[in-house]
């Protein structure tokens, strides 16, 4: 799991756990001291917030567990996958676009960071150079031809036999 994502999730977990253990019990206690709970808006709001915080903590902890299971050795070396940079030709827009396939926490469409769980990300995962992905988006179908692919392994300097052999030929 990328370290900055882990840090971001852990920070949110710590903030919510502190709120759940310290701030919300104090708010609930204060609201209970006001008397009749059936018409006590402060009490109901604090209880609703407590339910929300518990649910969000559960989501964050599940996501941490999921991300900790990501194993880079299971990511293909010759097809698009998590961490890949993919240059595509979008025939509907008649332009080349560069996408990087990232986790949902890192996604930022304006920067070309596409989640592997988004429609475009799902369409590109498993594609090789020359493949065409047909993607259904809210704006209609798009056909994206993969022009260039750099996998997470290529970027780490692992397993790019073509580059290694080319470098050896040049020496």
N, C-alpha and C. Protein backbone atom coordinates (compact mmCIF):
# COMPACT_ATOMS: atom_id res chain seq x y z
N UNK A 1 0.85 -1.18 0.00
CA UNK A 1 0.00 0.00 0.00
C UNK A 1 0.89 1.23 0.00
N UNK A 2 0.58 2.21 -0.86
CA UNK A 2 1.36 3.44 -0.86
C UNK A 2 1.36 4.07 0.54
N UNK A 3 2.53 4.50 0.98
CA UNK A 3 2.71 5.00 2.34
C UNK A 3 1.84 6.23 2.64
N UNK A 4 1.71 7.14 1.67
CA UNK A 4 0.92 8.36 1.93
C UNK A 4 -0.56 8.02 2.10
N UNK A 5 -1.04 6.98 1.44
CA UNK A 5 -2.46 6.57 1.60
C UNK A 5 -2.64 5.98 3.00
N UNK A 6 -1.71 5.12 3.39
CA UNK A 6 -1.77 4.50 4.71
C UNK A 6 -1.79 5.59 5.79
N UNK A 7 -0.92 6.58 5.63
CA UNK A 7 -0.83 7.67 6.61
C UNK A 7 -2.15 8.45 6.67
N UNK A 8 -2.71 8.75 5.50
CA UNK A 8 -3.96 9.51 5.44
C UNK A 8 -5.10 8.75 6.12
N UNK A 9 -5.20 7.46 5.85
CA UNK A 9 -6.26 6.65 6.47
C UNK A 9 -6.05 6.54 7.98
N UNK A 10 -4.81 6.32 8.40
CA UNK A 10 -4.53 6.21 9.83
C UNK A 10 -4.84 7.51 10.57
N UNK A 11 -4.54 8.66 9.94
CA UNK A 11 -4.84 9.95 10.57
C UNK A 11 -6.35 10.11 10.77
N UNK A 12 -7.14 9.75 9.75
CA UNK A 12 -8.59 9.88 9.87
C UNK A 12 -9.11 8.92 10.94
N UNK A 13 -8.56 7.71 10.99
CA UNK A 13 -8.97 6.74 12.01
C UNK A 13 -8.69 7.29 13.40
N UNK A 14 -7.50 7.87 13.61
CA UNK A 14 -7.15 8.42 14.92
C UNK A 14 -8.08 9.56 15.33
N UNK A 15 -8.39 10.44 14.39
CA UNK A 15 -9.28 11.57 14.69
C UNK A 15 -10.66 11.06 15.09
N UNK A 16 -11.19 10.10 14.33
CA UNK A 16 -12.52 9.57 14.62
C UNK A 16 -12.55 8.78 15.93
N UNK A 17 -11.49 8.01 16.19
CA UNK A 17 -11.44 7.26 17.45
C UNK A 17 -11.40 8.20 18.65
N UNK A 18 -10.67 9.31 18.52
CA UNK A 18 -10.61 10.30 19.60
C UNK A 18 -12.00 10.91 19.82
N UNK A 19 -12.67 11.26 18.72
CA UNK A 19 -14.02 11.83 18.82
C UNK A 19 -14.96 10.85 19.49
N UNK A 20 -14.87 9.58 19.10
CA UNK A 20 -15.75 8.55 19.64
C UNK A 20 -15.49 8.28 21.12
N UNK A 21 -14.23 8.32 21.51
CA UNK A 21 -13.88 7.98 22.89
C UNK A 21 -13.97 9.16 23.85
N UNK A 22 -13.82 10.38 23.35
CA UNK A 22 -13.74 11.53 24.26
C UNK A 22 -14.83 12.59 24.05
N UNK A 23 -14.94 13.08 22.82
CA UNK A 23 -15.84 14.21 22.57
C UNK A 23 -17.31 13.81 22.60
N UNK A 24 -17.66 12.74 21.90
CA UNK A 24 -19.08 12.35 21.86
C UNK A 24 -19.63 11.91 23.21
N UNK A 25 -18.89 11.12 24.00
CA UNK A 25 -19.44 10.79 25.33
C UNK A 25 -19.69 12.03 26.19
N UNK A 26 -18.83 13.03 26.07
CA UNK A 26 -19.03 14.27 26.83
C UNK A 26 -20.28 15.00 26.35
N UNK A 27 -20.49 15.04 25.02
CA UNK A 27 -21.69 15.69 24.48
C UNK A 27 -22.95 14.96 24.92
N UNK A 28 -22.90 13.63 24.88
CA UNK A 28 -24.07 12.83 25.27
C UNK A 28 -24.37 13.03 26.75
N UNK A 29 -23.32 13.03 27.57
CA UNK A 29 -23.50 13.22 29.01
C UNK A 29 -24.12 14.59 29.30
N UNK A 30 -23.63 15.60 28.61
CA UNK A 30 -24.16 16.96 28.79
C UNK A 30 -25.63 17.02 28.37
N UNK A 31 -25.96 16.37 27.26
CA UNK A 31 -27.34 16.37 26.77
C UNK A 31 -28.27 15.62 27.71
N UNK A 32 -27.78 14.50 28.27
CA UNK A 32 -28.59 13.71 29.21
C UNK A 32 -28.90 14.55 30.45
N UNK A 33 -27.93 15.35 30.87
CA UNK A 33 -28.11 16.19 32.06
C UNK A 33 -29.21 17.24 31.86
N UNK A 34 -29.54 17.53 30.59
CA UNK A 34 -30.57 18.53 30.31
C UNK A 34 -31.97 17.99 30.58
N UNK A 35 -32.11 16.68 30.72
CA UNK A 35 -33.43 16.16 31.06
C UNK A 35 -34.05 15.32 29.95
N UNK A 36 -35.33 15.49 29.74
CA UNK A 36 -36.15 14.70 28.83
C UNK A 36 -35.45 14.42 27.50
N UNK A 37 -35.11 13.14 27.25
CA UNK A 37 -34.38 12.76 26.05
C UNK A 37 -35.26 12.68 24.81
N UNK A 38 -36.56 12.53 25.00
CA UNK A 38 -37.45 12.37 23.84
C UNK A 38 -37.50 13.63 22.98
N UNK A 39 -37.29 14.80 23.58
CA UNK A 39 -37.33 16.06 22.83
C UNK A 39 -36.00 16.80 22.94
N UNK A 40 -34.91 16.06 23.11
CA UNK A 40 -33.61 16.65 23.33
C UNK A 40 -32.79 16.56 22.02
N UNK A 41 -32.79 17.66 21.25
CA UNK A 41 -32.12 17.68 19.95
C UNK A 41 -30.61 17.43 20.08
N UNK A 42 -29.98 17.99 21.12
CA UNK A 42 -28.54 17.80 21.31
C UNK A 42 -28.21 16.33 21.50
N UNK A 43 -29.04 15.65 22.28
CA UNK A 43 -28.83 14.22 22.53
C UNK A 43 -28.97 13.43 21.22
N UNK A 44 -30.02 13.69 20.46
CA UNK A 44 -30.26 12.95 19.21
C UNK A 44 -29.16 13.22 18.18
N UNK A 45 -28.69 14.45 18.11
CA UNK A 45 -27.60 14.78 17.18
C UNK A 45 -26.31 14.07 17.58
N UNK A 46 -26.02 14.05 18.87
CA UNK A 46 -24.80 13.39 19.34
C UNK A 46 -24.88 11.88 19.07
N UNK A 47 -26.04 11.29 19.28
CA UNK A 47 -26.21 9.85 19.02
C UNK A 47 -26.09 9.55 17.51
N UNK A 48 -26.65 10.42 16.67
CA UNK A 48 -26.53 10.23 15.23
C UNK A 48 -25.07 10.34 14.79
N UNK A 49 -24.37 11.32 15.35
CA UNK A 49 -22.95 11.48 15.02
C UNK A 49 -22.17 10.26 15.47
N UNK A 50 -22.51 9.73 16.64
CA UNK A 50 -21.83 8.54 17.16
C UNK A 50 -22.03 7.35 16.20
N UNK A 51 -23.24 7.18 15.70
CA UNK A 51 -23.52 6.11 14.74
C UNK A 51 -22.72 6.32 13.46
N UNK A 52 -22.67 7.56 12.98
CA UNK A 52 -21.93 7.86 11.77
C UNK A 52 -20.44 7.56 11.95
N UNK A 53 -19.87 8.03 13.06
CA UNK A 53 -18.44 7.82 13.33
C UNK A 53 -18.13 6.33 13.41
N UNK A 54 -18.98 5.57 14.08
CA UNK A 54 -18.77 4.11 14.15
C UNK A 54 -18.79 3.48 12.76
N UNK A 55 -19.73 3.89 11.93
CA UNK A 55 -19.82 3.34 10.57
C UNK A 55 -18.59 3.72 9.74
N UNK A 56 -18.17 4.97 9.83
CA UNK A 56 -17.01 5.43 9.06
C UNK A 56 -15.74 4.73 9.52
N UNK A 57 -15.60 4.53 10.82
CA UNK A 57 -14.43 3.80 11.34
C UNK A 57 -14.40 2.38 10.77
N UNK A 58 -15.55 1.75 10.71
CA UNK A 58 -15.62 0.40 10.15
C UNK A 58 -15.19 0.40 8.69
N UNK A 59 -15.65 1.38 7.92
CA UNK A 59 -15.26 1.49 6.52
C UNK A 59 -13.75 1.67 6.38
N UNK A 60 -13.20 2.59 7.15
CA UNK A 60 -11.76 2.88 7.07
C UNK A 60 -10.91 1.67 7.44
N UNK A 61 -11.32 0.97 8.47
CA UNK A 61 -10.54 -0.21 8.90
C UNK A 61 -10.63 -1.33 7.86
N UNK A 62 -11.81 -1.49 7.24
CA UNK A 62 -11.94 -2.49 6.16
C UNK A 62 -11.05 -2.11 4.97
N UNK A 63 -11.03 -0.81 4.64
CA UNK A 63 -10.21 -0.35 3.51
C UNK A 63 -8.73 -0.55 3.80
N UNK A 64 -8.31 -0.29 5.03
CA UNK A 64 -6.91 -0.53 5.42
C UNK A 64 -6.58 -2.01 5.23
N UNK A 65 -7.47 -2.88 5.65
CA UNK A 65 -7.24 -4.32 5.51
C UNK A 65 -7.16 -4.71 4.04
N UNK A 66 -8.06 -4.16 3.21
CA UNK A 66 -8.04 -4.46 1.78
C UNK A 66 -6.73 -4.00 1.15
N UNK A 67 -6.31 -2.78 1.47
CA UNK A 67 -5.10 -2.23 0.86
C UNK A 67 -3.85 -2.96 1.33
N UNK A 68 -3.87 -3.47 2.55
CA UNK A 68 -2.70 -4.20 3.03
C UNK A 68 -2.53 -5.53 2.31
N UNK A 69 -3.60 -6.00 1.66
CA UNK A 69 -3.53 -7.26 0.91
C UNK A 69 -3.00 -7.08 -0.51
N UNK A 70 -2.84 -5.82 -0.96
CA UNK A 70 -2.33 -5.58 -2.30
C UNK A 70 -0.90 -6.10 -2.37
N UNK A 71 -0.67 -7.03 -3.29
CA UNK A 71 0.64 -7.65 -3.45
C UNK A 71 1.15 -7.30 -4.84
N UNK A 72 2.23 -6.53 -4.90
CA UNK A 72 2.75 -6.09 -6.19
C UNK A 72 3.16 -7.24 -7.09
N UNK A 73 3.52 -8.38 -6.52
CA UNK A 73 3.92 -9.50 -7.36
C UNK A 73 2.74 -10.07 -8.14
N UNK A 74 1.51 -9.78 -7.70
CA UNK A 74 0.32 -10.25 -8.42
C UNK A 74 -0.11 -9.30 -9.53
N UNK A 75 0.52 -8.15 -9.62
CA UNK A 75 0.17 -7.18 -10.66
C UNK A 75 0.92 -7.57 -11.93
N UNK A 76 0.19 -7.70 -13.06
CA UNK A 76 0.84 -8.15 -14.30
C UNK A 76 1.94 -7.21 -14.76
N UNK A 77 2.92 -7.80 -15.44
CA UNK A 77 4.06 -7.03 -15.95
C UNK A 77 3.86 -6.58 -17.39
N UNK A 78 2.87 -7.15 -18.07
CA UNK A 78 2.68 -6.86 -19.49
C UNK A 78 1.30 -6.30 -19.82
N UNK A 79 0.49 -6.06 -18.79
CA UNK A 79 -0.86 -5.54 -18.98
C UNK A 79 -1.08 -4.41 -17.98
N UNK A 80 -2.06 -3.56 -18.29
CA UNK A 80 -2.39 -2.45 -17.39
C UNK A 80 -2.95 -2.99 -16.08
N UNK A 81 -2.52 -2.39 -14.99
CA UNK A 81 -2.99 -2.75 -13.65
C UNK A 81 -2.70 -1.61 -12.70
N UNK A 82 -2.93 -1.85 -11.42
CA UNK A 82 -2.67 -0.82 -10.41
C UNK A 82 -1.25 -0.27 -10.59
N UNK A 83 -1.13 1.06 -10.59
CA UNK A 83 0.18 1.70 -10.69
C UNK A 83 0.65 1.95 -12.11
N UNK A 84 -0.07 1.43 -13.10
CA UNK A 84 0.34 1.61 -14.50
C UNK A 84 0.03 3.02 -14.99
N UNK A 85 0.87 3.49 -15.90
CA UNK A 85 0.60 4.72 -16.64
C UNK A 85 0.25 4.28 -18.05
N UNK A 86 -0.92 4.70 -18.52
CA UNK A 86 -1.44 4.25 -19.81
C UNK A 86 -1.70 5.47 -20.69
N UNK A 87 -1.08 5.46 -21.88
CA UNK A 87 -1.36 6.51 -22.86
C UNK A 87 -2.37 5.91 -23.83
N UNK A 88 -3.51 6.58 -23.97
CA UNK A 88 -4.58 6.07 -24.83
C UNK A 88 -4.95 7.11 -25.88
N UNK A 89 -5.50 6.60 -26.99
CA UNK A 89 -6.08 7.48 -27.99
C UNK A 89 -7.58 7.36 -27.85
N UNK A 90 -8.23 8.48 -27.55
CA UNK A 90 -9.68 8.52 -27.40
C UNK A 90 -10.27 8.94 -28.74
N UNK A 91 -10.87 7.98 -29.45
CA UNK A 91 -11.39 8.28 -30.80
C UNK A 91 -12.59 9.22 -30.75
N UNK A 92 -13.34 9.22 -29.65
CA UNK A 92 -14.50 10.12 -29.57
C UNK A 92 -14.07 11.57 -29.40
N UNK A 93 -12.93 11.78 -28.77
CA UNK A 93 -12.43 13.15 -28.58
C UNK A 93 -11.28 13.49 -29.54
N UNK A 94 -10.82 12.47 -30.29
CA UNK A 94 -9.70 12.61 -31.21
C UNK A 94 -8.48 13.23 -30.50
N UNK A 95 -8.12 12.60 -29.37
CA UNK A 95 -6.95 13.09 -28.63
C UNK A 95 -6.29 11.96 -27.85
N UNK A 96 -5.01 12.19 -27.54
CA UNK A 96 -4.28 11.26 -26.67
C UNK A 96 -4.44 11.74 -25.24
N UNK A 97 -4.64 10.76 -24.34
CA UNK A 97 -4.82 11.08 -22.93
C UNK A 97 -3.90 10.15 -22.13
N UNK A 98 -3.31 10.68 -21.07
CA UNK A 98 -2.46 9.88 -20.19
C UNK A 98 -3.22 9.65 -18.89
N UNK A 99 -3.36 8.38 -18.52
CA UNK A 99 -4.01 8.01 -17.26
C UNK A 99 -3.02 7.23 -16.41
N UNK A 100 -3.11 7.43 -15.12
CA UNK A 100 -2.38 6.59 -14.17
C UNK A 100 -3.43 5.88 -13.33
N UNK A 101 -3.32 4.56 -13.22
CA UNK A 101 -4.29 3.76 -12.48
C UNK A 101 -3.88 3.70 -11.01
N UNK A 102 -4.74 4.23 -10.14
CA UNK A 102 -4.42 4.40 -8.73
C UNK A 102 -5.56 3.86 -7.86
N UNK A 103 -5.38 3.94 -6.55
CA UNK A 103 -6.44 3.55 -5.62
C UNK A 103 -7.52 4.63 -5.63
N UNK A 104 -8.69 4.30 -5.12
CA UNK A 104 -9.79 5.27 -5.10
C UNK A 104 -9.45 6.48 -4.23
N UNK A 105 -8.61 6.30 -3.21
CA UNK A 105 -8.23 7.41 -2.34
C UNK A 105 -7.34 8.43 -3.06
N UNK A 106 -6.59 7.98 -4.07
CA UNK A 106 -5.66 8.85 -4.78
C UNK A 106 -6.28 9.48 -6.03
N UNK A 107 -7.44 9.01 -6.46
CA UNK A 107 -7.97 9.43 -7.75
C UNK A 107 -8.23 10.93 -7.82
N UNK A 108 -7.88 11.49 -8.96
CA UNK A 108 -8.10 12.90 -9.25
C UNK A 108 -8.13 13.02 -10.78
N UNK A 109 -9.33 13.01 -11.33
CA UNK A 109 -9.51 12.98 -12.78
C UNK A 109 -8.80 14.14 -13.45
N UNK A 110 -8.82 15.32 -12.82
CA UNK A 110 -8.20 16.50 -13.42
C UNK A 110 -6.69 16.33 -13.60
N UNK A 111 -6.09 15.43 -12.82
CA UNK A 111 -4.65 15.16 -12.92
C UNK A 111 -4.37 13.86 -13.67
N UNK A 112 -5.42 13.23 -14.20
CA UNK A 112 -5.23 11.98 -14.94
C UNK A 112 -5.08 10.77 -14.03
N UNK A 113 -5.38 10.93 -12.74
CA UNK A 113 -5.28 9.82 -11.79
C UNK A 113 -6.65 9.15 -11.72
N UNK A 114 -6.74 7.95 -12.29
CA UNK A 114 -8.00 7.24 -12.43
C UNK A 114 -8.00 6.03 -11.51
N UNK A 115 -9.04 5.88 -10.74
CA UNK A 115 -9.17 4.73 -9.84
C UNK A 115 -9.37 3.46 -10.66
N UNK A 116 -8.77 2.37 -10.20
CA UNK A 116 -8.95 1.08 -10.87
C UNK A 116 -10.39 0.60 -10.74
N UNK A 117 -11.19 1.24 -9.88
CA UNK A 117 -12.59 0.84 -9.71
C UNK A 117 -13.56 1.74 -10.50
N UNK A 118 -13.03 2.78 -11.15
CA UNK A 118 -13.88 3.66 -11.96
C UNK A 118 -14.19 2.98 -13.29
N UNK A 119 -15.19 3.45 -14.04
CA UNK A 119 -15.48 2.82 -15.34
C UNK A 119 -14.26 2.80 -16.28
N UNK A 120 -13.53 3.91 -16.37
CA UNK A 120 -12.35 3.95 -17.24
C UNK A 120 -11.27 3.03 -16.70
N UNK A 121 -11.03 3.07 -15.39
CA UNK A 121 -10.02 2.22 -14.78
C UNK A 121 -10.32 0.74 -15.00
N UNK A 122 -11.57 0.35 -14.74
CA UNK A 122 -11.96 -1.06 -14.95
C UNK A 122 -11.79 -1.46 -16.41
N UNK A 123 -12.09 -0.53 -17.33
CA UNK A 123 -11.96 -0.82 -18.75
C UNK A 123 -10.53 -0.99 -19.19
N UNK A 124 -9.60 -0.29 -18.55
CA UNK A 124 -8.19 -0.35 -18.94
C UNK A 124 -7.42 -1.49 -18.27
N UNK A 125 -7.85 -1.90 -17.09
CA UNK A 125 -7.15 -2.98 -16.38
C UNK A 125 -7.14 -4.23 -17.26
N UNK A 126 -5.97 -4.80 -17.41
CA UNK A 126 -5.82 -6.03 -18.20
C UNK A 126 -5.54 -5.80 -19.67
N UNK A 127 -5.53 -4.54 -20.11
CA UNK A 127 -5.28 -4.24 -21.53
C UNK A 127 -3.78 -4.13 -21.80
N UNK A 128 -3.43 -4.48 -23.07
CA UNK A 128 -2.04 -4.38 -23.53
C UNK A 128 -1.98 -3.29 -24.61
N UNK A 129 -0.77 -2.93 -25.02
CA UNK A 129 -0.61 -1.97 -26.11
C UNK A 129 -1.29 -2.54 -27.35
N UNK A 130 -2.10 -1.70 -28.00
CA UNK A 130 -2.84 -2.13 -29.19
C UNK A 130 -4.28 -2.51 -28.89
N UNK A 131 -4.58 -2.86 -27.65
CA UNK A 131 -5.96 -3.21 -27.28
C UNK A 131 -6.84 -1.97 -27.28
N UNK A 132 -8.13 -2.18 -27.54
CA UNK A 132 -9.11 -1.10 -27.49
C UNK A 132 -10.11 -1.41 -26.38
N UNK A 133 -10.29 -0.45 -25.50
CA UNK A 133 -11.26 -0.59 -24.41
C UNK A 133 -12.49 0.23 -24.76
N UNK A 134 -13.65 -0.40 -24.73
CA UNK A 134 -14.91 0.32 -24.93
C UNK A 134 -15.48 0.58 -23.54
N UNK A 135 -15.64 1.85 -23.23
CA UNK A 135 -16.04 2.23 -21.88
C UNK A 135 -17.36 2.99 -21.94
N UNK A 136 -18.30 2.56 -21.12
CA UNK A 136 -19.58 3.25 -21.04
C UNK A 136 -19.50 4.23 -19.88
N UNK A 137 -19.63 5.51 -20.22
CA UNK A 137 -19.59 6.56 -19.20
C UNK A 137 -20.94 7.27 -19.21
N UNK A 138 -21.19 8.13 -18.24
CA UNK A 138 -22.44 8.88 -18.24
C UNK A 138 -22.64 9.71 -19.53
N UNK A 139 -21.53 10.07 -20.19
CA UNK A 139 -21.61 10.86 -21.43
C UNK A 139 -21.67 10.00 -22.68
N UNK A 140 -21.80 8.69 -22.51
CA UNK A 140 -21.87 7.79 -23.67
C UNK A 140 -20.66 6.88 -23.75
N UNK A 141 -20.61 6.10 -24.84
CA UNK A 141 -19.51 5.16 -25.03
C UNK A 141 -18.26 5.87 -25.51
N UNK A 142 -17.12 5.40 -25.02
CA UNK A 142 -15.82 5.91 -25.45
C UNK A 142 -14.96 4.73 -25.83
N UNK A 143 -14.21 4.88 -26.92
CA UNK A 143 -13.26 3.85 -27.31
C UNK A 143 -11.86 4.38 -27.08
N UNK A 144 -11.12 3.67 -26.24
CA UNK A 144 -9.76 4.08 -25.89
C UNK A 144 -8.79 3.01 -26.38
N UNK A 145 -7.90 3.39 -27.30
CA UNK A 145 -6.87 2.47 -27.78
C UNK A 145 -5.61 2.69 -26.97
N UNK A 146 -5.06 1.61 -26.43
CA UNK A 146 -3.84 1.71 -25.62
C UNK A 146 -2.65 1.89 -26.56
N UNK A 147 -1.98 3.06 -26.47
CA UNK A 147 -0.83 3.37 -27.31
C UNK A 147 0.48 3.03 -26.62
N UNK A 148 0.53 3.27 -25.32
CA UNK A 148 1.76 3.05 -24.56
C UNK A 148 1.38 2.63 -23.15
N UNK A 149 2.18 1.77 -22.58
CA UNK A 149 1.91 1.25 -21.24
C UNK A 149 3.20 1.17 -20.45
N UNK A 150 3.17 1.73 -19.26
CA UNK A 150 4.28 1.61 -18.32
C UNK A 150 3.69 1.04 -17.04
N UNK A 151 4.11 -0.17 -16.68
CA UNK A 151 3.55 -0.79 -15.47
C UNK A 151 4.30 -0.32 -14.24
N UNK A 152 3.75 -0.66 -13.09
CA UNK A 152 4.38 -0.31 -11.81
C UNK A 152 5.76 -0.97 -11.73
N UNK A 153 5.92 -2.14 -12.35
CA UNK A 153 7.21 -2.83 -12.35
C UNK A 153 8.23 -2.09 -13.20
N UNK A 154 7.79 -1.57 -14.36
CA UNK A 154 8.68 -0.80 -15.24
C UNK A 154 9.19 0.43 -14.51
N UNK A 155 8.28 1.12 -13.80
CA UNK A 155 8.65 2.34 -13.10
C UNK A 155 9.61 2.06 -11.94
N UNK A 156 9.50 0.86 -11.38
CA UNK A 156 10.40 0.49 -10.28
C UNK A 156 11.73 -0.04 -10.81
N UNK A 157 11.83 -0.18 -12.17
CA UNK A 157 13.06 -0.69 -12.76
C UNK A 157 13.16 -2.19 -12.74
N UNK A 158 12.04 -2.87 -12.51
CA UNK A 158 12.04 -4.33 -12.47
C UNK A 158 11.46 -4.88 -13.75
N UNK A 159 11.98 -6.00 -14.19
CA UNK A 159 11.34 -6.82 -15.20
C UNK A 159 11.15 -6.20 -16.56
N UNK A 160 11.86 -5.15 -16.92
CA UNK A 160 11.73 -4.60 -18.26
C UNK A 160 12.87 -5.16 -19.09
N UNK A 161 12.70 -6.40 -19.55
CA UNK A 161 13.75 -7.10 -20.27
C UNK A 161 14.16 -6.36 -21.54
N UNK A 162 13.20 -5.74 -22.23
CA UNK A 162 13.52 -5.04 -23.47
C UNK A 162 14.48 -3.89 -23.19
N UNK A 163 14.22 -3.13 -22.14
CA UNK A 163 15.11 -2.01 -21.82
C UNK A 163 16.47 -2.52 -21.40
N UNK A 164 16.48 -3.62 -20.63
CA UNK A 164 17.75 -4.18 -20.18
C UNK A 164 18.58 -4.68 -21.35
N UNK A 165 17.93 -5.39 -22.29
CA UNK A 165 18.68 -5.93 -23.43
C UNK A 165 19.13 -4.80 -24.35
N UNK A 166 18.30 -3.76 -24.50
CA UNK A 166 18.68 -2.61 -25.32
C UNK A 166 19.88 -1.90 -24.71
N UNK A 167 19.88 -1.79 -23.40
CA UNK A 167 20.99 -1.15 -22.70
C UNK A 167 22.25 -2.00 -22.87
N UNK A 168 22.12 -3.31 -22.82
CA UNK A 168 23.26 -4.20 -22.97
C UNK A 168 23.82 -4.11 -24.39
N UNK A 169 22.95 -3.99 -25.41
CA UNK A 169 23.39 -3.88 -26.80
C UNK A 169 24.15 -2.58 -27.02
N UNK A 170 23.74 -1.53 -26.33
CA UNK A 170 24.35 -0.23 -26.50
C UNK A 170 25.72 -0.10 -25.85
N UNK A 171 26.11 -1.03 -24.99
CA UNK A 171 27.39 -0.91 -24.27
C UNK A 171 28.52 -1.50 -25.05
